[in-house]
Amino acid sequence: MKSSSSTRLLLLALMLIGLFIRVGAAIRFPNAAHTDEILEMQEPAHHLAYGYGVVAWEWRQGARSWVFPAFLAGVMRATDWMGAGSTGYQTGIVIVLSLISLTTIWFGFAWGKRAGGTEAAILAAGACAIWYELVYFAPKALTEVVATDALLPGLYLGMYGERFQEKTRMLLAGIFLGLAMSLRIQLAPAVAFAALYFCHANWRKRILPLAAGLLLPVMSFGLVDAATWSHPFQSFLAYFRMHAHELSAPTLSSADAAQQRARFEPWYGYPRMLFANLGPLVLLILLGIRRSPLLGWVALVHLVFHSFFHFGAVRYLYPLTPLLITLAALGFMELRPALNARRKSPLSPRTIVAGGLAFFALSSCILVPQLDWSRWSGNLLAFDELSRDSTLCGVGVYRIPWWSLGDYAHLHQNVPIILLGEVHETEEQWSSFNALLVPGTLADSSHTFTLAGCWDDICVYRRPGACAPPRADSEINAVLRLNGW
């Protein structure tokens, strides 16, 4: 279809388009996909970079690895010059994670070219550049996302990387696969299946370098745990015990039980979620599996494994998305004979690729509402605004769930965040904060606060003057410790 140099330029153009869409969407529609994005990743990173932050119970008990937060802390320190308050490093995080996520576009191109030719490569790369789920999750500080970014090169090198000597190729594939598994231990079944698949044709030459590559990042993560927690692999073991306890807990309070049920899905929950998120692509994926069965098997292993545990969150399916979009592009190219069957002159490859890109763009636009592009945006924007106010000495939070806040990663000021549950608590502690976040308007007029601005459904009220020390049991870290959160 195109010369090698022009094809590479087209891939570069698609990657730049993908980067522009990802960064632009994240800045235009600030949101949080999940509590873990901020509380479990950005907050410990902020604590490392600046010395303070909200500490969730997983971090008090050593159930998380410091590797990814340390990386984010480096990004924060390196990019905080880009804007006042928290906006500088928040923009930096978006840009850096979006750049890393471009492996999805490269993977679509590289795998598509080997499995279906140049036309399939361009279509797969273009589809990965614009697909709404990849755009939405790319800038998110979630281990599922960065683990997927590492998984894709591992799959390609294990299957196709003939430019390297076989032992080198297996070593590199193992390193990427091991990194993906270390970042997201739930990828272990899919990684194990892929490793077995790569080795089955030539065990003697491939097993040792692949195993060495897998062990290198795994052992590195273990050493980090030994240095930062009590013993090697503490974060993995504590995380496993945490979920084993959740699944086997005999009794729960009514509030805990309701929250637990909201997180659980029946065995068919993930397949149903997958069908809803892919829409018309499902049939194309089935066609594409004929061309590249490995991607289908890896996706199936990941899906089946997660279906056993019933934790319902669309982000857990993210590692499947670039695999399935690439398969759908291969499936679309399989339709060429049918598209040309009744035509006197066959459609040109450019026309078929253009039609495929239009199809993926239209499907993506139709399915965009499947994801919440404004989730908790008011909280994040309000804290971003307060991060630029040098007079801030305390923030009261009234009738807003603590897990939906932007925390210090967005507030970026070492002042107390005070959680207020009832009206009388607000009245008692007015002197402890000079900024108050409320959903909607503040009806009580017996105070000196005035409306400073609203973002979505969250409004900020301000008062002049200094702050008195807050009540010890209402500060956010104290509340989390007292309740075991």
Protein backbone atom coordinates (compact mmCIF):
# COMPACT_ATOMS: atom_id res chain seq x y z
CA MET A 1 0.00 0.00 0.00
CA LYS A 2 2.75 2.47 0.98
CA SER A 3 6.51 2.49 1.04
CA SER A 4 8.25 1.59 4.28
CA SER A 5 9.32 5.19 5.03
CA SER A 6 5.88 6.68 4.38
CA THR A 7 4.26 3.95 6.50
CA ARG A 8 6.57 4.82 9.40
CA LEU A 9 5.70 8.50 9.01
CA LEU A 10 2.01 7.59 9.07
CA LEU A 11 2.53 5.60 12.27
CA LEU A 12 4.30 8.60 13.82
CA ALA A 13 1.38 10.83 12.76
CA LEU A 14 -1.13 8.42 14.32
CA MET A 15 0.87 8.36 17.55
CA LEU A 16 0.94 12.17 17.67
CA ILE A 17 -2.81 12.28 17.02
CA GLY A 18 -3.34 9.71 19.77
CA LEU A 19 -1.18 11.73 22.17
CA PHE A 20 -3.04 14.95 21.37
CA ILE A 21 -6.44 13.29 21.92
CA ARG A 22 -5.36 11.67 25.20
CA VAL A 23 -3.82 14.79 26.73
CA GLY A 24 -6.57 17.05 25.39
CA ALA A 25 -9.37 14.85 26.72
CA ALA A 26 -7.75 14.54 30.16
CA ILE A 27 -7.31 18.31 30.48
CA ARG A 28 -10.72 19.16 29.03
CA PHE A 29 -12.59 16.55 31.08
CA PRO A 30 -10.80 16.14 34.44
CA ASN A 31 -12.12 13.15 36.32
CA ALA A 32 -11.12 10.18 38.46
CA ALA A 33 -11.83 6.71 37.12
CA HIS A 34 -11.50 5.14 40.56
CA THR A 35 -10.53 5.97 44.14
CA ASP A 36 -7.25 4.08 43.70
CA GLU A 37 -6.06 6.53 41.04
CA ILE A 38 -5.60 9.24 43.66
CA LEU A 39 -5.74 7.64 47.11
CA GLU A 40 -3.56 4.61 46.36
CA MET A 41 -1.16 6.03 43.74
CA GLN A 42 -0.99 9.83 43.56
CA GLU A 43 -1.27 10.37 47.32
CA PRO A 44 1.70 8.19 48.30
CA ALA A 45 3.60 9.74 45.39
CA HIS A 46 2.81 13.21 46.77
CA HIS A 47 3.90 12.02 50.22
CA LEU A 48 7.25 10.91 48.77
CA ALA A 49 7.72 14.07 46.74
CA TYR A 50 6.54 16.70 49.24
CA GLY A 51 6.34 15.03 52.66
CA TYR A 52 2.60 14.92 53.33
CA GLY A 53 -0.54 13.23 52.05
CA VAL A 54 -3.53 11.09 52.91
CA VAL A 55 -2.52 7.60 54.06
CA ALA A 56 -5.00 4.80 53.33
CA TRP A 57 -4.98 1.54 55.28
CA GLU A 58 -3.24 -0.39 52.49
CA TRP A 59 -0.24 1.89 52.97
CA ARG A 60 -0.38 1.61 56.74
CA GLN A 61 -0.26 -2.19 56.44
CA GLY A 62 2.24 -2.44 53.59
CA ALA A 63 -0.18 -3.88 51.02
CA ARG A 64 1.09 -1.75 48.12
CA SER A 65 4.41 -1.53 46.33
CA TRP A 66 6.26 1.77 46.30
CA VAL A 67 7.61 1.29 42.77
CA PHE A 68 4.88 3.04 40.78
CA PRO A 69 4.27 5.83 43.36
CA ALA A 70 8.03 6.49 43.37
CA PHE A 71 7.90 6.90 39.59
CA LEU A 72 4.96 9.29 39.94
CA ALA A 73 6.80 11.22 42.65
CA GLY A 74 9.66 11.74 40.22
CA VAL A 75 7.21 13.01 37.60
CA MET A 76 5.69 15.40 40.15
CA ARG A 77 9.01 16.89 41.15
CA ALA A 78 10.18 17.14 37.54
CA THR A 79 7.04 18.86 36.23
CA ASP A 80 5.66 21.03 39.06
CA TRP A 81 7.20 24.06 37.33
CA MET A 82 4.62 23.71 34.56
CA GLY A 83 1.87 25.48 36.51
CA ALA A 84 0.85 27.04 39.82
CA GLY A 85 -0.35 24.86 42.67
CA SER A 86 -1.07 21.28 41.67
CA THR A 87 -1.85 22.05 38.03
CA GLY A 88 1.79 21.80 36.93
CA TYR A 89 2.53 18.27 38.00
CA GLN A 90 -1.03 17.08 37.33
CA THR A 91 -0.50 18.14 33.72
CA GLY A 92 2.92 16.49 33.83
CA ILE A 93 1.41 13.19 34.99
CA VAL A 94 -1.15 13.32 32.19
CA ILE A 95 1.52 13.94 29.55
CA VAL A 96 3.98 11.32 30.81
CA LEU A 97 1.39 8.56 31.24
CA SER A 98 -0.15 9.42 27.85
CA LEU A 99 3.30 9.13 26.25
CA ILE A 100 3.83 5.72 27.84
CA SER A 101 0.38 4.60 26.67
CA LEU A 102 1.39 5.10 23.04
CA THR A 103 2.62 1.50 23.20
CA THR A 104 -1.02 0.62 22.47
CA ILE A 105 -0.82 2.38 19.09
CA TRP A 106 2.61 0.94 18.32
CA PHE A 107 1.36 -2.53 19.28
CA GLY A 108 -1.69 -2.25 17.04
CA PHE A 109 0.56 -1.30 14.13
CA ALA A 110 3.34 -3.82 14.76
CA TRP A 111 1.05 -6.77 15.48
CA GLY A 112 -1.38 -5.84 12.73
CA LYS A 113 1.41 -5.70 10.16
CA ARG A 114 2.74 -9.13 11.06
CA ALA A 115 -0.69 -10.75 11.31
CA GLY A 116 -2.53 -8.98 8.48
CA GLY A 117 -0.27 -6.75 6.39
CA THR A 118 0.28 -3.02 6.07
CA GLU A 119 -3.40 -2.10 5.66
CA ALA A 120 -4.32 -4.00 8.84
CA ALA A 121 -1.41 -2.33 10.64
CA ILE A 122 -2.58 1.19 9.76
CA LEU A 123 -6.18 0.38 10.65
CA ALA A 124 -5.23 -1.19 14.00
CA ALA A 125 -2.94 1.71 14.93
CA GLY A 126 -5.59 4.26 13.94
CA ALA A 127 -8.28 2.42 15.90
CA CYS A 128 -6.06 2.26 18.99
CA ALA A 129 -5.31 5.98 18.62
CA ILE A 130 -8.98 7.00 18.78
CA TRP A 131 -10.77 4.26 20.72
CA TYR A 132 -12.58 5.88 23.66
CA GLU A 133 -11.48 3.46 26.40
CA LEU A 134 -7.81 3.79 25.48
CA VAL A 135 -8.18 7.59 25.40
CA TYR A 136 -9.98 7.67 28.75
CA PHE A 137 -7.65 5.40 30.72
CA ALA A 138 -4.29 6.34 29.14
CA PRO A 139 -3.50 9.28 31.53
CA LYS A 140 -4.81 7.46 34.63
CA ALA A 141 -2.39 6.64 37.44
CA LEU A 142 -3.66 3.05 37.67
CA THR A 143 -1.52 -0.07 37.75
CA GLU A 144 -3.82 -1.79 35.24
CA VAL A 145 -2.95 0.86 32.67
CA VAL A 146 0.83 0.99 33.06
CA ALA A 147 0.96 -2.80 33.37
CA THR A 148 -0.81 -3.06 30.02
CA ASP A 149 1.65 -0.61 28.50
CA ALA A 150 4.42 -3.04 29.53
CA LEU A 151 2.49 -6.20 28.60
CA LEU A 152 2.11 -5.28 24.92
CA PRO A 153 5.83 -5.12 24.01
CA GLY A 154 6.29 -8.40 25.89
CA LEU A 155 3.63 -10.13 23.80
CA TYR A 156 5.04 -8.78 20.55
CA LEU A 157 8.66 -9.67 21.32
CA GLY A 158 7.67 -13.13 22.45
CA MET A 159 5.80 -13.76 19.21
CA TYR A 160 7.45 -11.73 16.46
CA GLY A 161 10.66 -9.95 17.50
CA GLU A 162 12.97 -11.72 15.03
CA ARG A 163 15.23 -8.66 14.71
CA PHE A 164 16.84 -9.84 17.92
CA GLN A 165 18.63 -13.09 18.48
CA GLU A 166 16.28 -15.66 19.94
CA LYS A 167 17.75 -15.65 23.45
CA THR A 168 17.83 -11.85 23.54
CA ARG A 169 14.26 -11.69 22.27
CA MET A 170 13.02 -14.09 24.96
CA LEU A 171 14.94 -12.21 27.64
CA LEU A 172 13.39 -8.87 26.61
CA ALA A 173 9.93 -10.43 26.30
CA GLY A 174 10.31 -11.85 29.80
CA ILE A 175 11.38 -8.49 31.23
CA PHE A 176 8.32 -6.72 29.83
CA LEU A 177 5.96 -9.52 30.85
CA GLY A 178 7.51 -9.69 34.32
CA LEU A 179 7.18 -5.92 34.71
CA ALA A 180 3.52 -6.10 33.72
CA MET A 181 2.89 -8.89 36.22
CA SER A 182 4.79 -7.10 39.00
CA LEU A 183 2.78 -3.92 38.48
CA ARG A 184 -0.50 -5.83 38.32
CA ILE A 185 -0.31 -9.30 39.88
CA GLN A 186 -3.74 -10.16 38.44
CA LEU A 187 -2.05 -10.38 35.03
CA ALA A 188 -0.11 -13.46 36.20
CA PRO A 189 -2.43 -16.05 34.55
CA ALA A 190 -2.33 -14.26 31.18
CA VAL A 191 1.44 -13.81 31.43
CA ALA A 192 1.92 -17.48 32.35
CA PHE A 193 -0.18 -18.57 29.38
CA ALA A 194 1.76 -16.32 27.00
CA ALA A 195 5.09 -17.58 28.34
CA LEU A 196 4.04 -21.21 27.82
CA TYR A 197 2.84 -20.37 24.32
CA PHE A 198 6.15 -18.74 23.40
CA CYS A 199 8.20 -21.65 24.70
CA HIS A 200 6.20 -24.65 23.49
CA ALA A 201 7.89 -24.73 20.06
CA ASN A 202 11.46 -24.62 21.37
CA TRP A 203 11.70 -25.25 25.08
CA ARG A 204 15.43 -25.80 25.30
CA LYS A 205 16.44 -22.46 23.80
CA ARG A 206 13.66 -20.27 25.10
CA ILE A 207 12.74 -21.30 28.63
CA LEU A 208 15.88 -20.09 30.45
CA PRO A 209 16.16 -16.59 28.94
CA LEU A 210 12.40 -16.07 29.23
CA ALA A 211 12.38 -17.20 32.86
CA ALA A 212 15.39 -14.98 33.61
CA GLY A 213 13.61 -12.02 32.06
CA LEU A 214 10.44 -12.71 34.06
CA LEU A 215 12.34 -13.01 37.32
CA LEU A 216 14.35 -9.81 36.91
CA PRO A 217 11.50 -7.30 37.53
CA VAL A 218 9.77 -9.64 39.98
CA MET A 219 12.89 -9.87 42.14
CA SER A 220 13.41 -6.11 41.82
CA PHE A 221 9.93 -5.48 43.20
CA GLY A 222 10.66 -7.93 46.00
CA LEU A 223 13.84 -6.07 46.90
CA VAL A 224 11.97 -2.76 46.93
CA ASP A 225 9.47 -4.28 49.38
CA ALA A 226 12.35 -5.50 51.54
CA ALA A 227 13.82 -1.99 51.59
CA THR A 228 10.54 -0.12 52.16
CA TRP A 229 8.47 -2.60 54.18
CA SER A 230 9.34 -5.48 56.52
CA HIS A 231 10.29 -8.28 54.12
CA PRO A 232 10.51 -9.15 50.40
CA PHE A 233 7.20 -9.34 48.53
CA GLN A 234 5.26 -8.00 51.52
CA SER A 235 2.98 -5.90 49.30
CA PHE A 236 2.03 -8.94 47.19
CA LEU A 237 1.33 -11.17 50.20
CA ALA A 238 -0.58 -8.50 52.12
CA TYR A 239 -2.65 -7.66 49.04
CA PHE A 240 -3.52 -11.34 48.59
CA ARG A 241 -4.54 -11.70 52.23
CA MET A 242 -6.67 -8.57 51.97
CA HIS A 243 -8.75 -9.92 49.09
CA ALA A 244 -8.92 -13.42 50.56
CA HIS A 245 -10.40 -11.89 53.72
CA GLU A 246 -12.91 -9.82 51.72
CA LEU A 247 -14.14 -12.90 49.88
CA SER A 248 -14.43 -15.04 53.01
CA ALA A 249 -15.57 -12.46 55.60
CA PRO A 250 -18.47 -14.15 57.46
CA THR A 251 -20.17 -11.03 58.76
CA LEU A 252 -20.29 -7.42 57.69
CA SER A 253 -22.04 -4.36 59.00
CA SER A 254 -25.02 -3.26 56.93
CA ALA A 255 -23.04 -0.35 55.44
CA ASP A 256 -20.05 -2.55 54.65
CA ALA A 257 -22.29 -5.23 53.15
CA ALA A 258 -23.97 -2.71 50.86
CA GLN A 259 -20.61 -1.39 49.72
CA GLN A 260 -19.33 -4.93 49.18
CA ARG A 261 -22.38 -5.91 47.10
CA ALA A 262 -21.90 -2.79 44.97
CA ARG A 263 -18.36 -3.96 44.16
CA PHE A 264 -19.32 -7.54 43.32
CA GLU A 265 -20.59 -8.83 39.99
CA PRO A 266 -22.12 -12.19 39.07
CA TRP A 267 -19.95 -14.60 37.05
CA TYR A 268 -21.30 -13.15 33.81
CA GLY A 269 -20.71 -9.55 34.92
CA TYR A 270 -17.41 -9.08 33.10
CA PRO A 271 -18.53 -10.65 29.80
CA ARG A 272 -21.63 -8.46 29.93
CA MET A 273 -19.49 -5.40 30.62
CA LEU A 274 -17.17 -6.34 27.78
CA PHE A 275 -20.01 -6.70 25.28
CA ALA A 276 -21.45 -3.34 26.36
CA ASN A 277 -18.11 -1.56 25.98
CA LEU A 278 -17.28 -3.08 22.58
CA GLY A 279 -20.68 -2.85 20.90
CA PRO A 280 -20.49 -3.71 17.19
CA LEU A 281 -16.82 -4.76 17.40
CA VAL A 282 -17.63 -8.16 18.92
CA LEU A 283 -18.22 -9.91 15.58
CA LEU A 284 -15.09 -8.36 14.09
CA ILE A 285 -13.06 -9.62 17.04
CA LEU A 286 -14.26 -13.16 16.40
CA LEU A 287 -13.13 -12.82 12.78
CA GLY A 288 -9.78 -11.41 13.88
CA ILE A 289 -9.10 -14.33 16.20
CA ARG A 290 -8.87 -16.54 13.12
CA ARG A 291 -5.91 -14.43 12.00
CA SER A 292 -4.25 -14.12 15.42
CA PRO A 293 -5.46 -16.73 17.95
CA LEU A 294 -2.83 -15.90 20.59
CA LEU A 295 -4.40 -12.52 21.37
CA GLY A 296 -7.79 -14.21 21.70
CA TRP A 297 -6.44 -16.80 24.12
CA VAL A 298 -4.61 -14.23 26.26
CA ALA A 299 -7.79 -12.10 26.43
CA LEU A 300 -9.90 -15.14 27.34
CA VAL A 301 -7.53 -16.24 30.12
CA HIS A 302 -7.61 -12.74 31.65
CA LEU A 303 -11.40 -12.53 31.37
CA VAL A 304 -12.05 -15.97 32.88
CA PHE A 305 -9.64 -15.37 35.76
CA HIS A 306 -11.35 -12.11 36.71
CA SER A 307 -14.81 -13.64 36.38
CA PHE A 308 -13.98 -15.99 39.27
CA PHE A 309 -13.54 -13.09 41.70
CA HIS A 310 -16.54 -10.94 40.74
CA PHE A 311 -14.98 -7.56 41.58
CA GLY A 312 -16.94 -5.36 39.20
CA ALA A 313 -14.86 -2.55 37.72
CA VAL A 314 -14.39 -1.75 34.05
CA ARG A 315 -10.77 -0.76 34.67
CA TYR A 316 -9.89 -4.40 35.40
CA LEU A 317 -10.72 -5.18 31.77
CA TYR A 318 -8.39 -2.50 30.41
CA PRO A 319 -5.58 -4.98 29.54
CA LEU A 320 -7.99 -6.63 27.10
CA THR A 321 -8.82 -3.44 25.23
CA PRO A 322 -5.76 -2.97 22.96
CA LEU A 323 -5.73 -6.72 22.24
CA LEU A 324 -9.39 -6.73 21.23
CA ILE A 325 -9.18 -3.52 19.21
CA THR A 326 -6.24 -4.99 17.28
CA LEU A 327 -8.24 -8.19 16.68
CA ALA A 328 -11.23 -6.13 15.52
CA ALA A 329 -9.01 -4.33 12.99
CA LEU A 330 -7.75 -7.67 11.70
CA GLY A 331 -11.36 -8.86 11.52
CA PHE A 332 -12.40 -5.80 9.52
CA MET A 333 -9.72 -6.54 6.95
CA GLU A 334 -11.09 -10.08 6.70
CA LEU A 335 -14.26 -8.54 5.28
CA ARG A 336 -12.49 -7.40 2.11
CA PRO A 337 -13.70 -10.33 -0.04
CA ALA A 338 -17.29 -9.73 1.04
CA LEU A 339 -17.02 -5.98 0.41
CA ASN A 340 -15.68 -6.58 -3.10
CA ALA A 341 -17.84 -9.58 -3.95
CA ARG A 342 -20.46 -7.73 -6.04
CA ARG A 343 -18.33 -4.86 -7.27
CA LYS A 344 -17.07 -4.64 -10.85
CA SER A 345 -13.87 -2.98 -9.63
CA PRO A 346 -12.57 -3.86 -6.14
CA LEU A 347 -12.24 -1.20 -3.48
CA SER A 348 -8.70 0.11 -3.16
CA PRO A 349 -6.76 -0.65 0.04
CA ARG A 350 -6.85 3.05 0.94
CA THR A 351 -10.63 3.11 0.65
CA ILE A 352 -11.01 0.03 2.85
CA VAL A 353 -8.67 1.46 5.50
CA ALA A 354 -10.46 4.83 5.41
CA GLY A 355 -13.80 3.06 5.76
CA GLY A 356 -12.47 1.02 8.67
CA LEU A 357 -11.18 4.11 10.46
CA ALA A 358 -14.55 5.79 9.97
CA PHE A 359 -16.27 2.72 11.40
CA PHE A 360 -14.05 2.66 14.50
CA ALA A 361 -14.41 6.42 14.99
CA LEU A 362 -18.21 6.23 14.74
CA SER A 363 -18.39 3.21 17.07
CA SER A 364 -16.14 4.97 19.58
CA CYS A 365 -18.30 8.12 19.51
CA ILE A 366 -21.46 6.08 20.05
CA LEU A 367 -19.95 4.19 22.99
CA VAL A 368 -18.31 7.19 24.69
CA PRO A 369 -21.17 7.55 27.25
CA GLN A 370 -20.29 4.09 28.61
CA LEU A 371 -17.65 5.86 30.73
CA ASP A 372 -18.17 8.74 33.17
CA TRP A 373 -16.06 11.61 31.81
CA SER A 374 -16.93 13.96 34.69
CA ARG A 375 -16.69 11.64 37.68
CA TRP A 376 -15.74 13.67 40.77
CA SER A 377 -14.54 16.49 38.51
CA GLY A 378 -16.02 19.14 40.82
CA ASN A 379 -13.96 17.88 43.77
CA LEU A 380 -10.76 17.80 41.73
CA LEU A 381 -11.26 21.24 40.18
CA ALA A 382 -12.15 22.79 43.54
CA PHE A 383 -9.00 21.42 45.15
CA ASP A 384 -6.91 22.50 42.16
CA GLU A 385 -8.27 26.03 42.58
CA LEU A 386 -7.52 26.04 46.32
CA SER A 387 -3.99 24.79 45.64
CA ARG A 388 -3.20 28.21 44.14
CA ASP A 389 -4.46 30.20 47.15
CA SER A 390 -1.66 31.23 49.50
CA THR A 391 -4.12 32.32 52.23
CA LEU A 392 -5.56 28.82 52.71
CA CYS A 393 -5.15 27.45 56.24
CA GLY A 394 -7.74 24.66 56.43
CA VAL A 395 -10.38 22.97 54.25
CA GLY A 396 -13.72 21.73 55.56
CA VAL A 397 -15.53 19.05 53.56
CA TYR A 398 -19.27 18.75 54.20
CA ARG A 399 -21.48 15.93 52.85
CA ILE A 400 -18.91 14.82 50.28
CA PRO A 401 -17.57 11.23 50.50
CA TRP A 402 -13.94 11.20 51.59
CA TRP A 403 -12.98 8.67 48.90
CA SER A 404 -14.07 11.04 46.12
CA LEU A 405 -11.82 13.95 47.10
CA GLY A 406 -8.72 15.03 45.21
CA ASP A 407 -6.75 14.86 48.49
CA TYR A 408 -3.33 16.51 48.75
CA ALA A 409 -2.36 15.40 45.26
CA HIS A 410 -4.76 18.10 44.06
CA LEU A 411 -4.83 20.40 47.10
CA HIS A 412 -1.00 20.56 47.31
CA GLN A 413 -1.04 22.63 50.49
CA ASN A 414 0.01 21.28 53.87
CA VAL A 415 -3.17 22.33 55.67
CA PRO A 416 -5.69 20.09 57.45
CA ILE A 417 -8.58 18.56 55.50
CA ILE A 418 -11.48 18.32 57.95
CA LEU A 419 -14.34 15.88 57.31
CA LEU A 420 -17.69 17.18 58.56
CA GLY A 421 -20.60 14.79 58.86
CA GLU A 422 -23.37 16.86 60.45
CA VAL A 423 -24.50 20.50 60.47
CA HIS A 424 -23.55 20.98 64.11
CA GLU A 425 -20.02 19.76 63.36
CA THR A 426 -19.73 22.40 60.67
CA GLU A 427 -20.84 25.11 63.09
CA GLU A 428 -18.52 23.89 65.85
CA GLN A 429 -15.44 23.87 63.63
CA TRP A 430 -15.88 26.94 61.44
CA SER A 431 -12.83 28.51 63.04
CA SER A 432 -10.65 25.52 61.96
CA PHE A 433 -10.90 26.16 58.22
CA ASN A 434 -11.26 29.11 55.89
CA ALA A 435 -12.50 27.15 52.88
CA LEU A 436 -15.55 24.89 52.84
CA LEU A 437 -16.53 22.42 50.11
CA VAL A 438 -20.21 21.53 49.85
CA PRO A 439 -22.38 19.87 47.20
CA GLY A 440 -24.61 22.66 45.91
CA THR A 441 -25.26 25.73 48.02
CA LEU A 442 -24.81 26.29 51.75
CA ALA A 443 -28.27 26.96 53.15
CA ASP A 444 -27.28 27.98 56.69
CA SER A 445 -26.73 31.75 56.83
CA SER A 446 -25.35 31.92 60.40
CA HIS A 447 -21.75 32.00 59.27
CA THR A 448 -19.23 34.36 57.72
CA PHE A 449 -18.53 32.27 54.61
CA THR A 450 -19.23 33.63 51.14
CA LEU A 451 -19.50 31.76 47.88
CA ALA A 452 -16.16 31.78 46.02
CA GLY A 453 -17.07 29.59 43.04
CA CYS A 454 -18.64 26.35 41.88
CA TRP A 455 -17.29 23.54 39.70
CA ASP A 456 -19.92 21.14 38.42
CA ASP A 457 -21.99 20.40 41.53
CA ILE A 458 -19.31 21.30 44.10
CA CYS A 459 -19.14 24.82 45.56
CA VAL A 460 -16.37 26.44 47.60
CA TYR A 461 -17.17 28.94 50.35
CA ARG A 462 -14.47 31.16 51.84
CA ARG A 463 -14.05 33.37 54.90
CA PRO A 464 -11.29 35.83 55.76
CA GLY A 465 -8.90 35.36 58.65
CA ALA A 466 -6.70 32.65 60.15
CA CYS A 467 -7.56 29.14 61.35
CA ALA A 468 -7.58 27.61 64.81
CA PRO A 469 -6.21 24.08 65.32
CA PRO A 470 -8.79 21.50 64.18
CA ARG A 471 -10.41 18.89 66.38
CA ALA A 472 -8.10 15.87 66.29
CA ASP A 473 -10.74 13.29 65.39
CA SER A 474 -12.06 15.16 62.34
CA GLU A 475 -8.83 15.50 60.31
CA ILE A 476 -8.93 13.16 57.32
CA ASN A 477 -5.99 10.94 58.28
CA ALA A 478 -7.33 10.58 61.83
CA VAL A 479 -10.78 9.63 60.49
CA LEU A 480 -9.26 6.99 58.22
CA ARG A 481 -7.22 5.50 61.07
CA LEU A 482 -10.14 5.45 63.50
CA ASN A 483 -12.39 3.65 61.00
CA GLY A 484 -9.76 1.30 59.63
CA TRP A 485 -9.96 2.86 56.15
